[in-house]
Amino acid sequence: MDLEARAHSEHPEALRLWLRLLTCTQLIEKQVRGALRERFDTTLPRFDLMSQLERAPEGMKMSELSRRMMVTGGNVTGITDQLVTEGLVERVDVEGDRRAWRVRLTVRGRKAFQEMAQQHEGWIVDAFAALSEREIAQLHKLLGKVKADVQSRQQPASTPGQQATPETA
């Protein structure tokens, strides 16, 4: 039985929607984790770290990686150590800060990540194959509204013009 089926009819529809989203996320994540392990002998956290680095060719400090991945510094350090050993990422000194370094993809790491990212994209597209392009766009827009609303309630009052909109989500 899936999570949303456990919610009874007297529960708000929003609760059943939340449970449906959670179930879908868990199912898709399980498929992606399995496919990454089977196809590339890697894990989702390793893929996520490499994904962050791919977006920052100059590299990132460990603290920034930790913040963006929403995990502890220890988790990032462990994954980074493995990827350094495999030659997929490298540590470079940060000018003016002898205690810090940047982590960035190596040429080999960038090539490996591009192959993984291409496959990952296909897996995600397949996961939404039951929806039309129009339905996907509509769902994306609606979830953007939810995201913006939740973010606006979590952040201190923002200055005018800085509030997230569904279009920027």
N, C-alpha and C. Protein backbone atom coordinates (compact mmCIF):
# COMPACT_ATOMS: atom_id res chain seq x y z
N MET A 1 0.85 -1.18 0.00
CA MET A 1 0.00 0.00 0.00
C MET A 1 0.89 1.24 0.00
N ASP A 2 0.60 2.20 -0.88
CA ASP A 2 1.41 3.41 -0.92
C ASP A 2 0.94 4.39 0.15
N LEU A 3 1.78 5.39 0.38
CA LEU A 3 1.52 6.32 1.48
C LEU A 3 0.20 7.06 1.34
N GLU A 4 -0.12 7.51 0.14
CA GLU A 4 -1.34 8.31 0.00
C GLU A 4 -2.60 7.47 0.18
N ALA A 5 -2.51 6.17 -0.05
CA ALA A 5 -3.66 5.31 0.14
C ALA A 5 -3.99 5.17 1.64
N ARG A 6 -3.01 5.40 2.49
CA ARG A 6 -3.24 5.33 3.94
C ARG A 6 -4.04 6.51 4.45
N ALA A 7 -4.03 7.60 3.72
CA ALA A 7 -4.80 8.78 4.13
C ALA A 7 -6.27 8.52 3.82
N HIS A 8 -7.11 8.77 4.77
CA HIS A 8 -8.54 8.51 4.61
C HIS A 8 -9.22 9.69 3.93
N SER A 9 -10.43 9.45 3.47
CA SER A 9 -11.15 10.48 2.74
C SER A 9 -11.41 11.73 3.58
N GLU A 10 -11.39 11.59 4.91
CA GLU A 10 -11.62 12.78 5.74
C GLU A 10 -10.37 13.67 5.84
N HIS A 11 -9.23 13.17 5.38
CA HIS A 11 -8.02 13.99 5.38
C HIS A 11 -8.09 14.98 4.22
N PRO A 12 -7.48 16.14 4.40
CA PRO A 12 -7.50 17.13 3.31
C PRO A 12 -6.82 16.58 2.05
N GLU A 13 -7.32 17.01 0.93
CA GLU A 13 -6.76 16.58 -0.36
C GLU A 13 -5.29 16.97 -0.45
N ALA A 14 -4.91 18.10 0.16
CA ALA A 14 -3.51 18.53 0.15
C ALA A 14 -2.61 17.50 0.82
N LEU A 15 -3.09 16.86 1.88
CA LEU A 15 -2.30 15.81 2.55
C LEU A 15 -2.11 14.63 1.61
N ARG A 16 -3.17 14.23 0.93
CA ARG A 16 -3.04 13.11 0.00
C ARG A 16 -2.11 13.46 -1.16
N LEU A 17 -2.15 14.72 -1.60
CA LEU A 17 -1.24 15.17 -2.66
C LEU A 17 0.21 15.09 -2.18
N TRP A 18 0.47 15.59 -0.97
CA TRP A 18 1.83 15.54 -0.41
C TRP A 18 2.32 14.10 -0.36
N LEU A 19 1.49 13.19 0.10
CA LEU A 19 1.89 11.79 0.19
C LEU A 19 2.13 11.19 -1.20
N ARG A 20 1.34 11.60 -2.18
CA ARG A 20 1.54 11.12 -3.55
C ARG A 20 2.87 11.62 -4.09
N LEU A 21 3.19 12.90 -3.86
CA LEU A 21 4.48 13.46 -4.29
C LEU A 21 5.63 12.72 -3.63
N LEU A 22 5.51 12.46 -2.35
CA LEU A 22 6.55 11.75 -1.62
C LEU A 22 6.75 10.34 -2.17
N THR A 23 5.65 9.64 -2.43
CA THR A 23 5.74 8.30 -2.99
C THR A 23 6.41 8.31 -4.36
N CYS A 24 6.00 9.23 -5.22
CA CYS A 24 6.61 9.33 -6.55
C CYS A 24 8.10 9.62 -6.45
N THR A 25 8.46 10.55 -5.57
CA THR A 25 9.88 10.89 -5.38
C THR A 25 10.67 9.67 -4.94
N GLN A 26 10.15 8.95 -3.97
CA GLN A 26 10.85 7.77 -3.46
C GLN A 26 10.99 6.69 -4.53
N LEU A 27 9.95 6.47 -5.30
CA LEU A 27 10.01 5.45 -6.36
C LEU A 27 11.03 5.81 -7.44
N ILE A 28 11.01 7.07 -7.88
CA ILE A 28 11.94 7.50 -8.92
C ILE A 28 13.37 7.49 -8.38
N GLU A 29 13.55 7.95 -7.15
CA GLU A 29 14.90 7.95 -6.56
C GLU A 29 15.44 6.53 -6.44
N LYS A 30 14.59 5.60 -6.05
CA LYS A 30 15.03 4.19 -5.94
C LYS A 30 15.49 3.66 -7.29
N GLN A 31 14.75 3.99 -8.34
CA GLN A 31 15.14 3.55 -9.69
C GLN A 31 16.47 4.18 -10.10
N VAL A 32 16.63 5.47 -9.85
CA VAL A 32 17.86 6.17 -10.22
C VAL A 32 19.05 5.62 -9.44
N ARG A 33 18.88 5.41 -8.15
CA ARG A 33 19.96 4.85 -7.33
C ARG A 33 20.41 3.49 -7.89
N GLY A 34 19.43 2.64 -8.19
CA GLY A 34 19.74 1.31 -8.73
C GLY A 34 20.43 1.38 -10.08
N ALA A 35 19.96 2.27 -10.93
CA ALA A 35 20.55 2.40 -12.26
C ALA A 35 21.98 2.96 -12.19
N LEU A 36 22.21 3.93 -11.31
CA LEU A 36 23.57 4.46 -11.14
C LEU A 36 24.52 3.37 -10.64
N ARG A 37 24.04 2.58 -9.69
CA ARG A 37 24.87 1.50 -9.15
C ARG A 37 25.16 0.45 -10.23
N GLU A 38 24.12 0.06 -10.95
CA GLU A 38 24.27 -0.99 -11.96
C GLU A 38 25.08 -0.54 -13.16
N ARG A 39 24.78 0.63 -13.67
CA ARG A 39 25.40 1.10 -14.92
C ARG A 39 26.79 1.71 -14.70
N PHE A 40 26.97 2.42 -13.56
CA PHE A 40 28.21 3.16 -13.36
C PHE A 40 28.97 2.79 -12.09
N ASP A 41 28.45 1.84 -11.34
CA ASP A 41 29.06 1.43 -10.07
C ASP A 41 29.32 2.65 -9.19
N THR A 42 28.29 3.50 -9.07
CA THR A 42 28.41 4.71 -8.25
C THR A 42 27.14 4.90 -7.45
N THR A 43 27.14 5.92 -6.61
CA THR A 43 26.00 6.20 -5.75
C THR A 43 25.39 7.55 -6.12
N LEU A 44 24.18 7.77 -5.66
CA LEU A 44 23.51 9.04 -5.90
C LEU A 44 24.25 10.21 -5.23
N PRO A 45 24.75 10.07 -3.99
CA PRO A 45 25.51 11.19 -3.42
C PRO A 45 26.77 11.54 -4.22
N ARG A 46 27.45 10.54 -4.77
CA ARG A 46 28.63 10.82 -5.61
C ARG A 46 28.20 11.56 -6.87
N PHE A 47 27.11 11.11 -7.48
CA PHE A 47 26.57 11.77 -8.67
C PHE A 47 26.19 13.21 -8.34
N ASP A 48 25.53 13.41 -7.21
CA ASP A 48 25.11 14.76 -6.80
C ASP A 48 26.32 15.68 -6.61
N LEU A 49 27.37 15.18 -5.96
CA LEU A 49 28.57 15.99 -5.75
C LEU A 49 29.20 16.37 -7.09
N MET A 50 29.32 15.40 -7.97
CA MET A 50 29.89 15.68 -9.29
C MET A 50 29.02 16.66 -10.07
N SER A 51 27.71 16.57 -9.88
CA SER A 51 26.79 17.48 -10.55
C SER A 51 27.01 18.92 -10.08
N GLN A 52 27.20 19.10 -8.80
CA GLN A 52 27.48 20.44 -8.28
C GLN A 52 28.78 20.98 -8.86
N LEU A 53 29.80 20.13 -8.93
CA LEU A 53 31.10 20.56 -9.46
C LEU A 53 31.03 20.85 -10.96
N GLU A 54 30.19 20.13 -11.67
CA GLU A 54 30.06 20.35 -13.11
C GLU A 54 29.53 21.75 -13.38
N ARG A 55 28.71 22.26 -12.47
CA ARG A 55 28.13 23.59 -12.63
C ARG A 55 29.11 24.70 -12.25
N ALA A 56 30.23 24.32 -11.64
CA ALA A 56 31.23 25.30 -11.19
C ALA A 56 32.61 24.85 -11.66
N PRO A 57 32.94 25.10 -12.94
CA PRO A 57 34.21 24.61 -13.49
C PRO A 57 35.44 25.04 -12.70
N GLU A 58 35.37 26.21 -12.04
CA GLU A 58 36.51 26.67 -11.24
C GLU A 58 36.61 25.94 -9.91
N GLY A 59 35.58 25.17 -9.59
CA GLY A 59 35.56 24.40 -8.35
C GLY A 59 34.81 25.11 -7.25
N MET A 60 34.71 24.43 -6.12
CA MET A 60 34.00 24.97 -4.97
C MET A 60 34.74 24.60 -3.70
N LYS A 61 34.61 25.46 -2.71
CA LYS A 61 35.12 25.11 -1.39
C LYS A 61 34.23 24.01 -0.81
N MET A 62 34.80 23.23 0.08
CA MET A 62 34.06 22.13 0.69
C MET A 62 32.81 22.64 1.42
N SER A 63 32.92 23.79 2.08
CA SER A 63 31.76 24.33 2.81
C SER A 63 30.62 24.67 1.85
N GLU A 64 30.95 25.19 0.67
CA GLU A 64 29.92 25.51 -0.32
C GLU A 64 29.28 24.23 -0.86
N LEU A 65 30.09 23.21 -1.11
CA LEU A 65 29.54 21.93 -1.56
C LEU A 65 28.58 21.37 -0.52
N SER A 66 28.99 21.41 0.73
CA SER A 66 28.17 20.90 1.82
C SER A 66 26.84 21.65 1.89
N ARG A 67 26.90 22.98 1.77
CA ARG A 67 25.69 23.80 1.83
C ARG A 67 24.75 23.48 0.66
N ARG A 68 25.31 23.40 -0.53
CA ARG A 68 24.47 23.15 -1.71
C ARG A 68 23.86 21.74 -1.71
N MET A 69 24.61 20.78 -1.17
CA MET A 69 24.11 19.41 -1.13
C MET A 69 23.24 19.15 0.10
N MET A 70 23.23 20.12 1.03
CA MET A 70 22.45 20.02 2.26
C MET A 70 22.83 18.79 3.07
N VAL A 71 24.14 18.55 3.17
CA VAL A 71 24.68 17.46 3.99
C VAL A 71 25.83 18.01 4.83
N THR A 72 26.30 17.21 5.77
CA THR A 72 27.39 17.65 6.64
C THR A 72 28.70 17.69 5.88
N GLY A 73 29.62 18.47 6.41
CA GLY A 73 30.96 18.54 5.83
C GLY A 73 31.64 17.19 5.82
N GLY A 74 31.39 16.38 6.85
CA GLY A 74 31.98 15.05 6.90
C GLY A 74 31.54 14.17 5.75
N ASN A 75 30.27 14.27 5.38
CA ASN A 75 29.77 13.49 4.24
C ASN A 75 30.47 13.91 2.95
N VAL A 76 30.61 15.21 2.76
CA VAL A 76 31.25 15.74 1.56
C VAL A 76 32.72 15.32 1.52
N THR A 77 33.38 15.37 2.67
CA THR A 77 34.80 14.99 2.73
C THR A 77 34.98 13.53 2.35
N GLY A 78 34.15 12.66 2.87
CA GLY A 78 34.25 11.23 2.56
C GLY A 78 34.06 10.94 1.08
N ILE A 79 33.06 11.54 0.50
CA ILE A 79 32.79 11.33 -0.93
C ILE A 79 33.94 11.93 -1.76
N THR A 80 34.37 13.12 -1.38
CA THR A 80 35.46 13.77 -2.10
C THR A 80 36.73 12.93 -2.05
N ASP A 81 37.06 12.39 -0.89
CA ASP A 81 38.24 11.54 -0.76
C ASP A 81 38.18 10.36 -1.74
N GLN A 82 37.04 9.72 -1.84
CA GLN A 82 36.87 8.60 -2.78
C GLN A 82 37.07 9.05 -4.22
N LEU A 83 36.47 10.18 -4.58
CA LEU A 83 36.56 10.66 -5.95
C LEU A 83 37.97 11.14 -6.30
N VAL A 84 38.69 11.68 -5.32
CA VAL A 84 40.09 12.07 -5.54
C VAL A 84 40.91 10.81 -5.81
N THR A 85 40.72 9.79 -4.99
CA THR A 85 41.45 8.53 -5.16
C THR A 85 41.23 7.94 -6.55
N GLU A 86 40.02 8.08 -7.07
CA GLU A 86 39.68 7.55 -8.39
C GLU A 86 40.08 8.48 -9.53
N GLY A 87 40.60 9.66 -9.20
CA GLY A 87 41.04 10.59 -10.22
C GLY A 87 39.91 11.35 -10.90
N LEU A 88 38.75 11.41 -10.26
CA LEU A 88 37.60 12.09 -10.86
C LEU A 88 37.48 13.54 -10.41
N VAL A 89 38.01 13.86 -9.23
CA VAL A 89 38.06 15.24 -8.76
C VAL A 89 39.45 15.50 -8.21
N GLU A 90 39.77 16.79 -8.08
CA GLU A 90 41.06 17.18 -7.51
C GLU A 90 40.84 18.33 -6.55
N ARG A 91 41.77 18.45 -5.61
CA ARG A 91 41.76 19.57 -4.67
C ARG A 91 42.83 20.56 -5.13
N VAL A 92 42.46 21.84 -5.13
CA VAL A 92 43.42 22.89 -5.47
C VAL A 92 43.41 23.93 -4.36
N ASP A 93 44.56 24.51 -4.11
CA ASP A 93 44.70 25.52 -3.07
C ASP A 93 43.84 26.74 -3.37
N VAL A 94 43.36 27.36 -2.30
CA VAL A 94 42.63 28.62 -2.41
C VAL A 94 43.63 29.72 -2.10
N GLU A 95 43.84 30.60 -3.06
CA GLU A 95 44.80 31.69 -2.89
C GLU A 95 44.40 32.56 -1.69
N GLY A 96 45.35 32.80 -0.82
CA GLY A 96 45.10 33.65 0.34
C GLY A 96 44.50 32.93 1.54
N ASP A 97 44.24 31.63 1.42
CA ASP A 97 43.67 30.87 2.54
C ASP A 97 44.34 29.51 2.59
N ARG A 98 45.36 29.39 3.40
CA ARG A 98 46.15 28.15 3.43
C ARG A 98 45.40 26.99 4.07
N ARG A 99 44.28 27.28 4.75
CA ARG A 99 43.51 26.21 5.40
C ARG A 99 42.42 25.63 4.49
N ALA A 100 42.15 26.28 3.38
CA ALA A 100 41.04 25.84 2.52
C ALA A 100 41.53 25.43 1.16
N TRP A 101 40.70 24.68 0.47
CA TRP A 101 40.97 24.33 -0.92
C TRP A 101 39.66 24.22 -1.67
N ARG A 102 39.79 24.29 -2.97
CA ARG A 102 38.64 24.09 -3.86
C ARG A 102 38.70 22.67 -4.39
N VAL A 103 37.53 22.15 -4.64
CA VAL A 103 37.42 20.83 -5.26
C VAL A 103 36.83 21.06 -6.64
N ARG A 104 37.40 20.40 -7.64
CA ARG A 104 36.86 20.53 -8.99
C ARG A 104 37.02 19.21 -9.73
N LEU A 105 36.19 19.06 -10.76
CA LEU A 105 36.28 17.86 -11.59
C LEU A 105 37.58 17.86 -12.37
N THR A 106 38.16 16.69 -12.53
CA THR A 106 39.28 16.54 -13.43
C THR A 106 38.71 16.35 -14.84
N VAL A 107 39.57 16.33 -15.83
CA VAL A 107 39.11 16.07 -17.21
C VAL A 107 38.42 14.71 -17.25
N ARG A 108 39.03 13.73 -16.62
CA ARG A 108 38.43 12.38 -16.55
C ARG A 108 37.09 12.41 -15.83
N GLY A 109 37.01 13.17 -14.74
CA GLY A 109 35.77 13.29 -13.97
C GLY A 109 34.68 13.97 -14.76
N ARG A 110 35.04 15.00 -15.51
CA ARG A 110 34.06 15.71 -16.33
C ARG A 110 33.48 14.77 -17.40
N LYS A 111 34.35 13.99 -18.02
CA LYS A 111 33.90 13.05 -19.05
C LYS A 111 32.99 11.98 -18.44
N ALA A 112 33.39 11.44 -17.30
CA ALA A 112 32.58 10.41 -16.62
C ALA A 112 31.23 10.98 -16.22
N PHE A 113 31.24 12.22 -15.69
CA PHE A 113 29.98 12.81 -15.27
C PHE A 113 29.07 13.06 -16.46
N GLN A 114 29.60 13.54 -17.57
CA GLN A 114 28.77 13.80 -18.75
C GLN A 114 28.04 12.54 -19.20
N GLU A 115 28.73 11.42 -19.16
CA GLU A 115 28.10 10.15 -19.54
C GLU A 115 26.99 9.79 -18.55
N MET A 116 27.29 9.94 -17.26
CA MET A 116 26.27 9.64 -16.23
C MET A 116 25.08 10.59 -16.36
N ALA A 117 25.35 11.87 -16.57
CA ALA A 117 24.28 12.87 -16.65
C ALA A 117 23.36 12.61 -17.83
N GLN A 118 23.94 12.19 -18.93
CA GLN A 118 23.12 11.88 -20.10
C GLN A 118 22.17 10.72 -19.80
N GLN A 119 22.69 9.67 -19.19
CA GLN A 119 21.86 8.53 -18.81
C GLN A 119 20.81 8.95 -17.78
N HIS A 120 21.23 9.72 -16.79
CA HIS A 120 20.33 10.19 -15.73
C HIS A 120 19.16 10.96 -16.33
N GLU A 121 19.46 11.84 -17.27
CA GLU A 121 18.40 12.61 -17.92
C GLU A 121 17.39 11.67 -18.58
N GLY A 122 17.88 10.65 -19.25
CA GLY A 122 16.98 9.69 -19.89
C GLY A 122 16.10 8.95 -18.87
N TRP A 123 16.69 8.59 -17.74
CA TRP A 123 15.91 7.90 -16.70
C TRP A 123 14.80 8.79 -16.16
N ILE A 124 15.10 10.08 -16.00
CA ILE A 124 14.09 10.99 -15.48
C ILE A 124 13.00 11.23 -16.52
N VAL A 125 13.39 11.42 -17.77
CA VAL A 125 12.39 11.58 -18.83
C VAL A 125 11.48 10.35 -18.87
N ASP A 126 12.05 9.17 -18.77
CA ASP A 126 11.26 7.93 -18.76
C ASP A 126 10.30 7.88 -17.57
N ALA A 127 10.75 8.40 -16.43
CA ALA A 127 9.91 8.37 -15.23
C ALA A 127 8.64 9.19 -15.41
N PHE A 128 8.68 10.18 -16.29
CA PHE A 128 7.52 11.04 -16.53
C PHE A 128 6.85 10.75 -17.88
N ALA A 129 7.12 9.60 -18.42
CA ALA A 129 6.60 9.24 -19.75
C ALA A 129 5.07 9.17 -19.79
N ALA A 130 4.42 8.97 -18.66
CA ALA A 130 2.96 8.89 -18.64
C ALA A 130 2.29 10.25 -18.82
N LEU A 131 3.09 11.33 -18.72
CA LEU A 131 2.54 12.68 -18.85
C LEU A 131 2.87 13.28 -20.21
N SER A 132 1.96 14.09 -20.74
CA SER A 132 2.23 14.82 -21.98
C SER A 132 3.16 16.00 -21.66
N GLU A 133 3.72 16.60 -22.69
CA GLU A 133 4.57 17.79 -22.49
C GLU A 133 3.78 18.90 -21.80
N ARG A 134 2.52 19.06 -22.20
CA ARG A 134 1.67 20.08 -21.59
C ARG A 134 1.43 19.78 -20.12
N GLU A 135 1.18 18.54 -19.78
CA GLU A 135 0.96 18.17 -18.38
C GLU A 135 2.22 18.38 -17.55
N ILE A 136 3.37 18.05 -18.13
CA ILE A 136 4.64 18.26 -17.42
C ILE A 136 4.84 19.76 -17.15
N ALA A 137 4.59 20.58 -18.15
CA ALA A 137 4.74 22.03 -17.98
C ALA A 137 3.77 22.56 -16.93
N GLN A 138 2.55 22.07 -16.95
CA GLN A 138 1.55 22.51 -15.99
C GLN A 138 1.94 22.10 -14.57
N LEU A 139 2.37 20.86 -14.39
CA LEU A 139 2.79 20.37 -13.08
C LEU A 139 4.00 21.17 -12.58
N HIS A 140 4.94 21.45 -13.47
CA HIS A 140 6.12 22.23 -13.10
C HIS A 140 5.72 23.62 -12.61
N LYS A 141 4.79 24.25 -13.32
CA LYS A 141 4.33 25.59 -12.94
C LYS A 141 3.62 25.55 -11.59
N LEU A 142 2.75 24.58 -11.40
CA LEU A 142 2.01 24.48 -10.14
C LEU A 142 2.95 24.21 -8.96
N LEU A 143 3.90 23.31 -9.14
CA LEU A 143 4.85 23.03 -8.06
C LEU A 143 5.74 24.24 -7.80
N GLY A 144 6.01 25.03 -8.83
CA GLY A 144 6.75 26.27 -8.65
C GLY A 144 6.01 27.24 -7.75
N LYS A 145 4.69 27.29 -7.89
CA LYS A 145 3.88 28.15 -7.01
C LYS A 145 3.97 27.67 -5.57
N VAL A 146 3.90 26.37 -5.37
CA VAL A 146 4.01 25.81 -4.02
C VAL A 146 5.39 26.13 -3.44
N LYS A 147 6.42 25.91 -4.23
CA LYS A 147 7.80 26.17 -3.77
C LYS A 147 7.97 27.63 -3.36
N ALA A 148 7.51 28.54 -4.20
CA ALA A 148 7.66 29.97 -3.91
C ALA A 148 6.91 30.35 -2.63
N ASP A 149 5.72 29.80 -2.45
CA ASP A 149 4.93 30.10 -1.27
C ASP A 149 5.61 29.58 -0.01
N VAL A 150 6.07 28.36 -0.05
CA VAL A 150 6.75 27.77 1.11
C VAL A 150 8.02 28.55 1.43
N GLN A 151 8.80 28.88 0.40
CA GLN A 151 10.03 29.65 0.63
C GLN A 151 9.73 31.02 1.21
N SER A 152 8.68 31.66 0.74
CA SER A 152 8.37 33.01 1.24
C SER A 152 7.97 32.97 2.71
N ARG A 153 7.41 31.87 3.17
CA ARG A 153 7.02 31.76 4.57
C ARG A 153 8.19 31.35 5.47
N GLN A 154 9.25 30.80 4.88
CA GLN A 154 10.40 30.36 5.67
C GLN A 154 11.45 31.45 5.81
N GLN A 155 11.48 32.39 4.90
CA GLN A 155 12.50 33.41 4.90
C GLN A 155 12.00 34.66 5.62
N PRO A 156 12.93 35.40 6.23
CA PRO A 156 12.51 36.68 6.81
C PRO A 156 11.98 37.58 5.70
N ALA A 157 11.25 38.59 6.07
CA ALA A 157 10.68 39.50 5.08
C ALA A 157 11.75 39.94 4.10
N SER A 158 11.48 39.72 2.82
CA SER A 158 12.47 40.10 1.81
C SER A 158 12.22 41.52 1.35
N THR A 159 13.26 42.07 0.78
CA THR A 159 13.12 43.41 0.24
C THR A 159 12.34 43.32 -1.06
N PRO A 160 11.66 44.38 -1.45
CA PRO A 160 10.85 44.34 -2.68
C PRO A 160 11.67 43.88 -3.87
N GLY A 161 11.06 43.01 -4.68
CA GLY A 161 11.71 42.53 -5.89
C GLY A 161 12.57 41.30 -5.68
N GLN A 162 12.71 40.79 -4.46
CA GLN A 162 13.56 39.64 -4.23
C GLN A 162 12.79 38.36 -3.99
N GLN A 163 11.48 38.41 -3.95
CA GLN A 163 10.69 37.22 -3.68
C GLN A 163 10.70 36.30 -4.90
N ALA A 164 10.81 34.99 -4.65
CA ALA A 164 10.81 34.01 -5.74
C ALA A 164 9.44 33.97 -6.38
N THR A 165 9.41 33.76 -7.66
CA THR A 165 8.16 33.59 -8.39
C THR A 165 8.15 32.21 -9.01
N PRO A 166 6.98 31.68 -9.36
CA PRO A 166 6.94 30.37 -9.99
C PRO A 166 7.79 30.28 -11.25
N GLU A 167 7.92 31.40 -11.96
CA GLU A 167 8.70 31.38 -13.19
C GLU A 167 10.20 31.18 -12.93
N THR A 168 10.68 31.60 -11.74
CA THR A 168 12.10 31.48 -11.43
C THR A 168 12.41 30.19 -10.70
N ALA A 169 11.41 29.42 -10.39
CA ALA A 169 11.61 28.17 -9.64
C ALA A 169 12.10 27.06 -10.53
